[in-house]
C-alpha cells in the first residue's frame, strides 16, 4: 500500500511543480530548500518583473549584505 501512496505523492508533487511553474533546489551547505520561480527568468529588469504583476523578494542573505532589490534581482538573474 505504501508504494501506491508513494506514487500518488510523487504524482501530486510533480503536478504542483508544473502547475505553478516552479523548480526546487536543495542547498547542501545551509540545508535549506529553495523554490525558484521560473517566471523571473523571462524578465530582464526588476521593472519588467514588477510590471508583469510580480513582487521580487530578497533573501535573508541578500538583506544582511545590504543589497537593494535591484541588486538582488541582478544577482538572481546571474545565477539562473
PDB file of N, CA and C in Angstrom:
ATOM      1  N   UNK A   1       0.820  -1.197   0.000  1.00  0.00           N
ATOM      2  CA  UNK A   1       0.000   0.000   0.000  1.00  0.00           C
ATOM      3  C   UNK A   1       0.858   1.254   0.000  1.00  0.00           C
ATOM      4  N   UNK A   2       2.044   1.175   0.596  1.00  0.00           N
ATOM      5  CA  UNK A   2       2.874   2.376   0.651  1.00  0.00           C
ATOM      6  C   UNK A   2       3.407   2.734  -0.730  1.00  0.00           C
ATOM      7  N   UNK A   3       3.585   1.756  -1.615  1.00  0.00           N
ATOM      8  CA  UNK A   3       4.049   2.074  -2.961  1.00  0.00           C
ATOM      9  C   UNK A   3       2.995   2.893  -3.709  1.00  0.00           C
ATOM     10  N   UNK A   4       1.727   2.619  -3.473  1.00  0.00           N
ATOM     11  CA  UNK A   4       0.658   3.404  -4.085  1.00  0.00           C
ATOM     12  C   UNK A   4       0.687   4.824  -3.521  1.00  0.00           C
ATOM     13  N   UNK A   5       0.876   4.928  -2.215  1.00  0.00           N
ATOM     14  CA  UNK A   5       0.947   6.244  -1.581  1.00  0.00           C
ATOM     15  C   UNK A   5       2.163   7.018  -2.076  1.00  0.00           C
ATOM     16  N   UNK A   6       3.287   6.338  -2.256  1.00  0.00           N
ATOM     17  CA  UNK A   6       4.493   6.986  -2.772  1.00  0.00           C
ATOM     18  C   UNK A   6       4.275   7.490  -4.198  1.00  0.00           C
ATOM     19  N   UNK A   7       3.665   6.659  -5.029  1.00  0.00           N
ATOM     20  CA  UNK A   7       3.405   7.058  -6.413  1.00  0.00           C
ATOM     21  C   UNK A   7       2.445   8.242  -6.467  1.00  0.00           C
ATOM     22  N   UNK A   8       1.419   8.201  -5.631  1.00  0.00           N
ATOM     23  CA  UNK A   8       0.461   9.298  -5.586  1.00  0.00           C
ATOM     24  C   UNK A   8       1.136  10.583  -5.109  1.00  0.00           C
ATOM     25  N   UNK A   9       1.995  10.464  -4.105  1.00  0.00           N
ATOM     26  CA  UNK A   9       2.722  11.627  -3.592  1.00  0.00           C
ATOM     27  C   UNK A   9       3.609  12.250  -4.652  1.00  0.00           C
ATOM     28  N   UNK A  10       4.332  11.412  -5.388  1.00  0.00           N
ATOM     29  CA  UNK A  10       5.205  11.913  -6.457  1.00  0.00           C
ATOM     30  C   UNK A  10       4.381  12.540  -7.585  1.00  0.00           C
ATOM     31  N   UNK A  11       3.253  11.921  -7.906  1.00  0.00           N
ATOM     32  CA  UNK A  11       2.381  12.457  -8.944  1.00  0.00           C
ATOM     33  C   UNK A  11       1.891  13.852  -8.564  1.00  0.00           C
ATOM     34  N   UNK A  12       1.411  13.991  -7.333  1.00  0.00           N
ATOM     35  CA  UNK A  12       0.902  15.286  -6.880  1.00  0.00           C
ATOM     36  C   UNK A  12       2.012  16.336  -6.804  1.00  0.00           C
ATOM     37  N   UNK A  13       3.177  15.938  -6.335  1.00  0.00           N
ATOM     38  CA  UNK A  13       4.312  16.856  -6.262  1.00  0.00           C
ATOM     39  C   UNK A  13       4.678  17.378  -7.652  1.00  0.00           C
ATOM     40  N   UNK A  14       4.763  16.483  -8.628  1.00  0.00           N
ATOM     41  CA  UNK A  14       5.072  16.887 -10.000  1.00  0.00           C
ATOM     42  C   UNK A  14       3.971  17.758 -10.589  1.00  0.00           C
ATOM     43  N   UNK A  15       2.723  17.436 -10.278  1.00  0.00           N
ATOM     44  CA  UNK A  15       1.603  18.225 -10.799  1.00  0.00           C
ATOM     45  C   UNK A  15       1.657  19.652 -10.264  1.00  0.00           C
ATOM     46  N   UNK A  16       1.959  19.799  -8.978  1.00  0.00           N
ATOM     47  CA  UNK A  16       2.049  21.140  -8.398  1.00  0.00           C
ATOM     48  C   UNK A  16       3.237  21.911  -8.966  1.00  0.00           C
ATOM     49  N   UNK A  17       4.349  21.243  -9.180  1.00  0.00           N
ATOM     50  CA  UNK A  17       5.510  21.908  -9.767  1.00  0.00           C
ATOM     51  C   UNK A  17       5.186  22.431 -11.160  1.00  0.00           C
ATOM     52  N   UNK A  18       4.517  21.593 -11.957  1.00  0.00           N
ATOM     53  CA  UNK A  18       4.163  22.026 -13.304  1.00  0.00           C
ATOM     54  C   UNK A  18       3.114  23.122 -13.277  1.00  0.00           C
ATOM     55  N   UNK A  19       2.135  22.989 -12.381  1.00  0.00           N
ATOM     56  CA  UNK A  19       1.040  23.958 -12.324  1.00  0.00           C
ATOM     57  C   UNK A  19       1.541  25.338 -11.907  1.00  0.00           C
ATOM     58  N   UNK A  20       2.467  25.381 -10.997  1.00  0.00           N
ATOM     59  CA  UNK A  20       2.950  26.665 -10.506  1.00  0.00           C
ATOM     60  C   UNK A  20       4.276  27.068 -11.130  1.00  0.00           C
ATOM     61  N   UNK A  21       4.772  26.261 -12.080  1.00  0.00           N
ATOM     62  CA  UNK A  21       5.979  26.560 -12.842  1.00  0.00           C
ATOM     63  C   UNK A  21       7.157  26.875 -11.923  1.00  0.00           C
ATOM     64  N   UNK A  22       7.371  26.039 -10.946  1.00  0.00           N
ATOM     65  CA  UNK A  22       8.456  26.252 -10.001  1.00  0.00           C
ATOM     66  C   UNK A  22       9.370  25.039  -9.996  1.00  0.00           C
ATOM     67  N   UNK A  23      10.625  25.284  -9.690  1.00  0.00           N
ATOM     68  CA  UNK A  23      11.564  24.185  -9.540  1.00  0.00           C
ATOM     69  C   UNK A  23      12.172  24.276  -8.150  1.00  0.00           C
ATOM     70  N   UNK A  24      12.591  23.177  -7.630  1.00  0.00           N
ATOM     71  CA  UNK A  24      13.113  23.117  -6.280  1.00  0.00           C
ATOM     72  C   UNK A  24      14.579  22.755  -6.316  1.00  0.00           C
ATOM     73  N   UNK A  25      15.369  23.437  -5.496  1.00  0.00           N
ATOM     74  CA  UNK A  25      16.762  23.058  -5.361  1.00  0.00           C
ATOM     75  C   UNK A  25      17.077  22.941  -3.879  1.00  0.00           C
ATOM     76  N   UNK A  26      18.098  22.218  -3.572  1.00  0.00           N
ATOM     77  CA  UNK A  26      18.458  21.985  -2.180  1.00  0.00           C
ATOM     78  C   UNK A  26      19.891  22.451  -1.973  1.00  0.00           C
ATOM     79  N   UNK A  27      20.074  23.385  -1.042  1.00  0.00           N
ATOM     80  CA  UNK A  27      21.394  23.925  -0.742  1.00  0.00           C
ATOM     81  C   UNK A  27      22.063  23.004   0.273  1.00  0.00           C
ATOM     82  N   UNK A  28      23.124  22.329  -0.151  1.00  0.00           N
ATOM     83  CA  UNK A  28      23.784  21.367   0.720  1.00  0.00           C
ATOM     84  C   UNK A  28      24.516  22.024   1.885  1.00  0.00           C
ATOM     85  N   UNK A  29      24.951  23.279   1.707  1.00  0.00           N
ATOM     86  CA  UNK A  29      25.681  23.965   2.781  1.00  0.00           C
ATOM     87  C   UNK A  29      24.740  24.353   3.909  1.00  0.00           C
ATOM     88  N   UNK A  30      23.651  25.041   3.587  1.00  0.00           N
ATOM     89  CA  UNK A  30      22.743  25.502   4.639  1.00  0.00           C
ATOM     90  C   UNK A  30      21.683  24.468   4.985  1.00  0.00           C
ATOM     91  N   UNK A  31      21.470  23.517   4.074  1.00  0.00           N
ATOM     92  CA  UNK A  31      20.455  22.500   4.320  1.00  0.00           C
ATOM     93  C   UNK A  31      19.041  23.001   4.095  1.00  0.00           C
ATOM     94  N   UNK A  32      18.900  24.143   3.396  1.00  0.00           N
ATOM     95  CA  UNK A  32      17.585  24.710   3.162  1.00  0.00           C
ATOM     96  C   UNK A  32      17.118  24.427   1.742  1.00  0.00           C
ATOM     97  N   UNK A  33      15.816  24.253   1.597  1.00  0.00           N
ATOM     98  CA  UNK A  33      15.234  24.116   0.274  1.00  0.00           C
ATOM     99  C   UNK A  33      14.968  25.510  -0.258  1.00  0.00           C
ATOM    100  N   UNK A  34      15.176  25.678  -1.540  1.00  0.00           N
ATOM    101  CA  UNK A  34      14.906  26.959  -2.169  1.00  0.00           C
ATOM    102  C   UNK A  34      14.006  26.714  -3.364  1.00  0.00           C
ATOM    103  N   UNK A  35      12.901  27.424  -3.418  1.00  0.00           N
ATOM    104  CA  UNK A  35      11.988  27.301  -4.541  1.00  0.00           C
ATOM    105  C   UNK A  35      12.157  28.540  -5.395  1.00  0.00           C
ATOM    106  N   UNK A  36      12.446  28.320  -6.643  1.00  0.00           N
ATOM    107  CA  UNK A  36      12.714  29.414  -7.564  1.00  0.00           C
ATOM    108  C   UNK A  36      11.632  29.438  -8.629  1.00  0.00           C
ATOM    109  N   UNK A  37      11.037  30.573  -8.806  1.00  0.00           N
ATOM    110  CA  UNK A  37      10.009  30.719  -9.830  1.00  0.00           C
ATOM    111  C   UNK A  37      10.665  30.985 -11.169  1.00  0.00           C
ATOM    112  N   UNK A  38      10.372  30.164 -12.151  1.00  0.00           N
ATOM    113  CA  UNK A  38      10.979  30.303 -13.463  1.00  0.00           C
ATOM    114  C   UNK A  38      10.443  31.507 -14.222  1.00  0.00           C
ATOM    115  N   UNK A  39       9.325  32.104 -13.758  1.00  0.00           N
ATOM    116  CA  UNK A  39       8.785  33.287 -14.405  1.00  0.00           C
ATOM    117  C   UNK A  39       9.782  34.434 -14.365  1.00  0.00           C
ATOM    118  N   UNK A  40      10.599  34.526 -13.330  1.00  0.00           N
ATOM    119  CA  UNK A  40      11.557  35.619 -13.192  1.00  0.00           C
ATOM    120  C   UNK A  40      12.589  35.598 -14.304  1.00  0.00           C
ATOM    121  N   UNK A  41      12.857  34.428 -14.861  1.00  0.00           N
ATOM    122  CA  UNK A  41      13.879  34.306 -15.883  1.00  0.00           C
ATOM    123  C   UNK A  41      13.457  34.976 -17.192  1.00  0.00           C
ATOM    124  N   UNK A  42      12.183  35.226 -17.371  1.00  0.00           N
ATOM    125  CA  UNK A  42      11.697  35.827 -18.593  1.00  0.00           C
ATOM    126  C   UNK A  42      11.879  37.338 -18.614  1.00  0.00           C
ATOM    127  N   UNK A  43      12.142  37.941 -17.473  1.00  0.00           N
ATOM    128  CA  UNK A  43      12.219  39.394 -17.364  1.00  0.00           C
ATOM    129  C   UNK A  43      13.664  39.836 -17.204  1.00  0.00           C
ATOM    130  N   UNK A  44      14.043  40.859 -17.952  1.00  0.00           N
ATOM    131  CA  UNK A  44      15.423  41.349 -17.937  1.00  0.00           C
ATOM    132  C   UNK A  44      15.692  42.311 -16.784  1.00  0.00           C
ATOM    133  N   UNK A  45      14.684  43.081 -16.396  1.00  0.00           N
ATOM    134  CA  UNK A  45      14.875  44.071 -15.325  1.00  0.00           C
ATOM    135  C   UNK A  45      13.819  43.884 -14.249  1.00  0.00           C
ATOM    136  N   UNK A  46      14.080  44.481 -13.105  1.00  0.00           N
ATOM    137  CA  UNK A  46      13.137  44.416 -11.995  1.00  0.00           C
ATOM    138  C   UNK A  46      11.841  45.135 -12.363  1.00  0.00           C
ATOM    139  N   UNK A  47      11.946  46.223 -13.107  1.00  0.00           N
ATOM    140  CA  UNK A  47      10.754  46.967 -13.524  1.00  0.00           C
ATOM    141  C   UNK A  47       9.862  46.119 -14.434  1.00  0.00           C
ATOM    142  N   UNK A  48      10.453  45.366 -15.359  1.00  0.00           N
ATOM    143  CA  UNK A  48       9.675  44.458 -16.210  1.00  0.00           C
ATOM    144  C   UNK A  48       8.982  43.408 -15.357  1.00  0.00           C
ATOM    145  N   UNK A  49       9.709  42.903 -14.375  1.00  0.00           N
ATOM    146  CA  UNK A  49       9.169  41.878 -13.471  1.00  0.00           C
ATOM    147  C   UNK A  49       7.975  42.435 -12.700  1.00  0.00           C
ATOM    148  N   UNK A  50       8.122  43.664 -12.185  1.00  0.00           N
ATOM    149  CA  UNK A  50       7.033  44.295 -11.427  1.00  0.00           C
ATOM    150  C   UNK A  50       5.839  44.598 -12.326  1.00  0.00           C
ATOM    151  N   UNK A  51       6.104  45.080 -13.542  1.00  0.00           N
ATOM    152  CA  UNK A  51       5.010  45.426 -14.448  1.00  0.00           C
ATOM    153  C   UNK A  51       4.209  44.193 -14.863  1.00  0.00           C
ATOM    154  N   UNK A  52       4.819  43.017 -14.761  1.00  0.00           N
ATOM    155  CA  UNK A  52       4.111  41.769 -15.064  1.00  0.00           C
ATOM    156  C   UNK A  52       3.232  41.329 -13.892  1.00  0.00           C
ATOM    157  N   UNK A  53       3.284  42.082 -12.781  1.00  0.00           N
ATOM    158  CA  UNK A  53       2.423  41.775 -11.639  1.00  0.00           C
ATOM    159  C   UNK A  53       3.082  40.974 -10.538  1.00  0.00           C
ATOM    160  N   UNK A  54       4.401  40.840 -10.584  1.00  0.00           N
ATOM    161  CA  UNK A  54       5.118  40.068  -9.577  1.00  0.00           C
ATOM    162  C   UNK A  54       5.820  40.994  -8.584  1.00  0.00           C
ATOM    163  N   UNK A  55       6.113  40.473  -7.412  1.00  0.00           N
ATOM    164  CA  UNK A  55       6.853  41.211  -6.404  1.00  0.00           C
ATOM    165  C   UNK A  55       8.109  40.413  -6.075  1.00  0.00           C
ATOM    166  N   UNK A  56       9.263  40.982  -6.358  1.00  0.00           N
ATOM    167  CA  UNK A  56      10.520  40.291  -6.095  1.00  0.00           C
ATOM    168  C   UNK A  56      10.916  40.486  -4.639  1.00  0.00           C
ATOM    169  N   UNK A  57      11.281  39.417  -3.977  1.00  0.00           N
ATOM    170  CA  UNK A  57      11.696  39.491  -2.575  1.00  0.00           C
ATOM    171  C   UNK A  57      13.137  39.048  -2.427  1.00  0.00           C
ATOM    172  N   UNK A  58      13.855  39.779  -1.618  1.00  0.00           N
ATOM    173  CA  UNK A  58      15.251  39.444  -1.344  1.00  0.00           C
ATOM    174  C   UNK A  58      15.320  38.322  -0.308  1.00  0.00           C
ATOM    175  N   UNK A  59      16.413  37.566  -0.361  1.00  0.00           N
ATOM    176  CA  UNK A  59      16.628  36.523   0.643  1.00  0.00           C
ATOM    177  C   UNK A  59      17.196  37.164   1.902  1.00  0.00           C
ATOM    178  N   UNK A  60      17.206  36.429   2.998  1.00  0.00           N
ATOM    179  CA  UNK A  60      17.793  36.939   4.238  1.00  0.00           C
ATOM    180  C   UNK A  60      19.261  37.285   4.036  1.00  0.00           C
ATOM    181  N   UNK A  61      19.953  36.442   3.269  1.00  0.00           N
ATOM    182  CA  UNK A  61      21.368  36.681   2.993  1.00  0.00           C
ATOM    183  C   UNK A  61      21.560  37.989   2.236  1.00  0.00           C
ATOM    184  N   UNK A  62      20.729  38.214   1.226  1.00  0.00           N
ATOM    185  CA  UNK A  62      20.844  39.443   0.442  1.00  0.00           C
ATOM    186  C   UNK A  62      20.549  40.673   1.300  1.00  0.00           C
ATOM    187  N   UNK A  63      19.575  40.570   2.189  1.00  0.00           N
ATOM    188  CA  UNK A  63      19.270  41.702   3.070  1.00  0.00           C
ATOM    189  C   UNK A  63      20.412  41.955   4.042  1.00  0.00           C
ATOM    190  N   UNK A  64      21.002  40.876   4.568  1.00  0.00           N
ATOM    191  CA  UNK A  64      22.093  41.051   5.533  1.00  0.00           C
ATOM    192  C   UNK A  64      23.321  41.677   4.875  1.00  0.00           C
ATOM    193  N   UNK A  65      23.475  41.474   3.550  1.00  0.00           N
ATOM    194  CA  UNK A  65      24.593  42.085   2.828  1.00  0.00           C
ATOM    195  C   UNK A  65      24.269  43.497   2.362  1.00  0.00           C
ATOM    196  N   UNK A  66      23.045  43.962   2.632  1.00  0.00           N
ATOM    197  CA  UNK A  66      22.664  45.326   2.301  1.00  0.00           C
ATOM    198  C   UNK A  66      22.363  45.562   0.831  1.00  0.00           C
ATOM    199  N   UNK A  67      21.972  44.513   0.112  1.00  0.00           N
ATOM    200  CA  UNK A  67      21.660  44.662  -1.309  1.00  0.00           C
ATOM    201  C   UNK A  67      20.284  45.296  -1.484  1.00  0.00           C
ATOM    202  N   UNK A  68      20.164  46.190  -2.458  1.00  0.00           N
ATOM    203  CA  UNK A  68      18.860  46.743  -2.811  1.00  0.00           C
ATOM    204  C   UNK A  68      18.098  45.673  -3.599  1.00  0.00           C
ATOM    205  N   UNK A  69      16.811  45.911  -3.824  1.00  0.00           N
ATOM    206  CA  UNK A  69      16.025  44.954  -4.605  1.00  0.00           C
ATOM    207  C   UNK A  69      16.599  44.812  -6.014  1.00  0.00           C
ATOM    208  N   UNK A  70      17.021  45.934  -6.607  1.00  0.00           N
ATOM    209  CA  UNK A  70      17.590  45.903  -7.956  1.00  0.00           C
ATOM    210  C   UNK A  70      18.863  45.058  -7.990  1.00  0.00           C
ATOM    211  N   UNK A  71      19.736  45.266  -6.997  1.00  0.00           N
ATOM    212  CA  UNK A  71      20.979  44.498  -6.934  1.00  0.00           C
ATOM    213  C   UNK A  71      20.694  43.021  -6.708  1.00  0.00           C
ATOM    214  N   UNK A  72      19.731  42.734  -5.838  1.00  0.00           N
ATOM    215  CA  UNK A  72      19.370  41.346  -5.556  1.00  0.00           C
ATOM    216  C   UNK A  72      18.778  40.673  -6.796  1.00  0.00           C
ATOM    217  N   UNK A  73      17.963  41.411  -7.550  1.00  0.00           N
ATOM    218  CA  UNK A  73      17.374  40.856  -8.772  1.00  0.00           C
ATOM    219  C   UNK A  73      18.462  40.557  -9.796  1.00  0.00           C
ATOM    220  N   UNK A  74      19.433  41.470  -9.938  1.00  0.00           N
ATOM    221  CA  UNK A  74      20.543  41.248 -10.864  1.00  0.00           C
ATOM    222  C   UNK A  74      21.352  40.013 -10.448  1.00  0.00           C
ATOM    223  N   UNK A  75      21.575  39.861  -9.144  1.00  0.00           N
ATOM    224  CA  UNK A  75      22.290  38.685  -8.635  1.00  0.00           C
ATOM    225  C   UNK A  75      21.500  37.419  -8.946  1.00  0.00           C
ATOM    226  N   UNK A  76      20.198  37.492  -8.763  1.00  0.00           N
ATOM    227  CA  UNK A  76      19.303  36.372  -9.038  1.00  0.00           C
ATOM    228  C   UNK A  76      19.374  35.991 -10.519  1.00  0.00           C
ATOM    229  N   UNK A  77      19.387  36.984 -11.403  1.00  0.00           N
ATOM    230  CA  UNK A  77      19.442  36.732 -12.835  1.00  0.00           C
ATOM    231  C   UNK A  77      20.771  36.083 -13.235  1.00  0.00           C
ATOM    232  N   UNK A  78      21.861  36.435 -12.572  1.00  0.00           N
ATOM    233  CA  UNK A  78      23.171  35.868 -12.887  1.00  0.00           C
ATOM    234  C   UNK A  78      23.234  34.378 -12.550  1.00  0.00           C
ATOM    235  N   UNK A  79      22.483  33.960 -11.535  1.00  0.00           N
ATOM    236  CA  UNK A  79      22.537  32.568 -11.073  1.00  0.00           C
ATOM    237  C   UNK A  79      21.535  31.667 -11.766  1.00  0.00           C
ATOM    238  N   UNK A  80      20.805  32.183 -12.725  1.00  0.00           N
ATOM    239  CA  UNK A  80      19.801  31.346 -13.385  1.00  0.00           C
ATOM    240  C   UNK A  80      20.435  30.382 -14.261  1.00  0.00           C
TER     241      UNK A  80
END
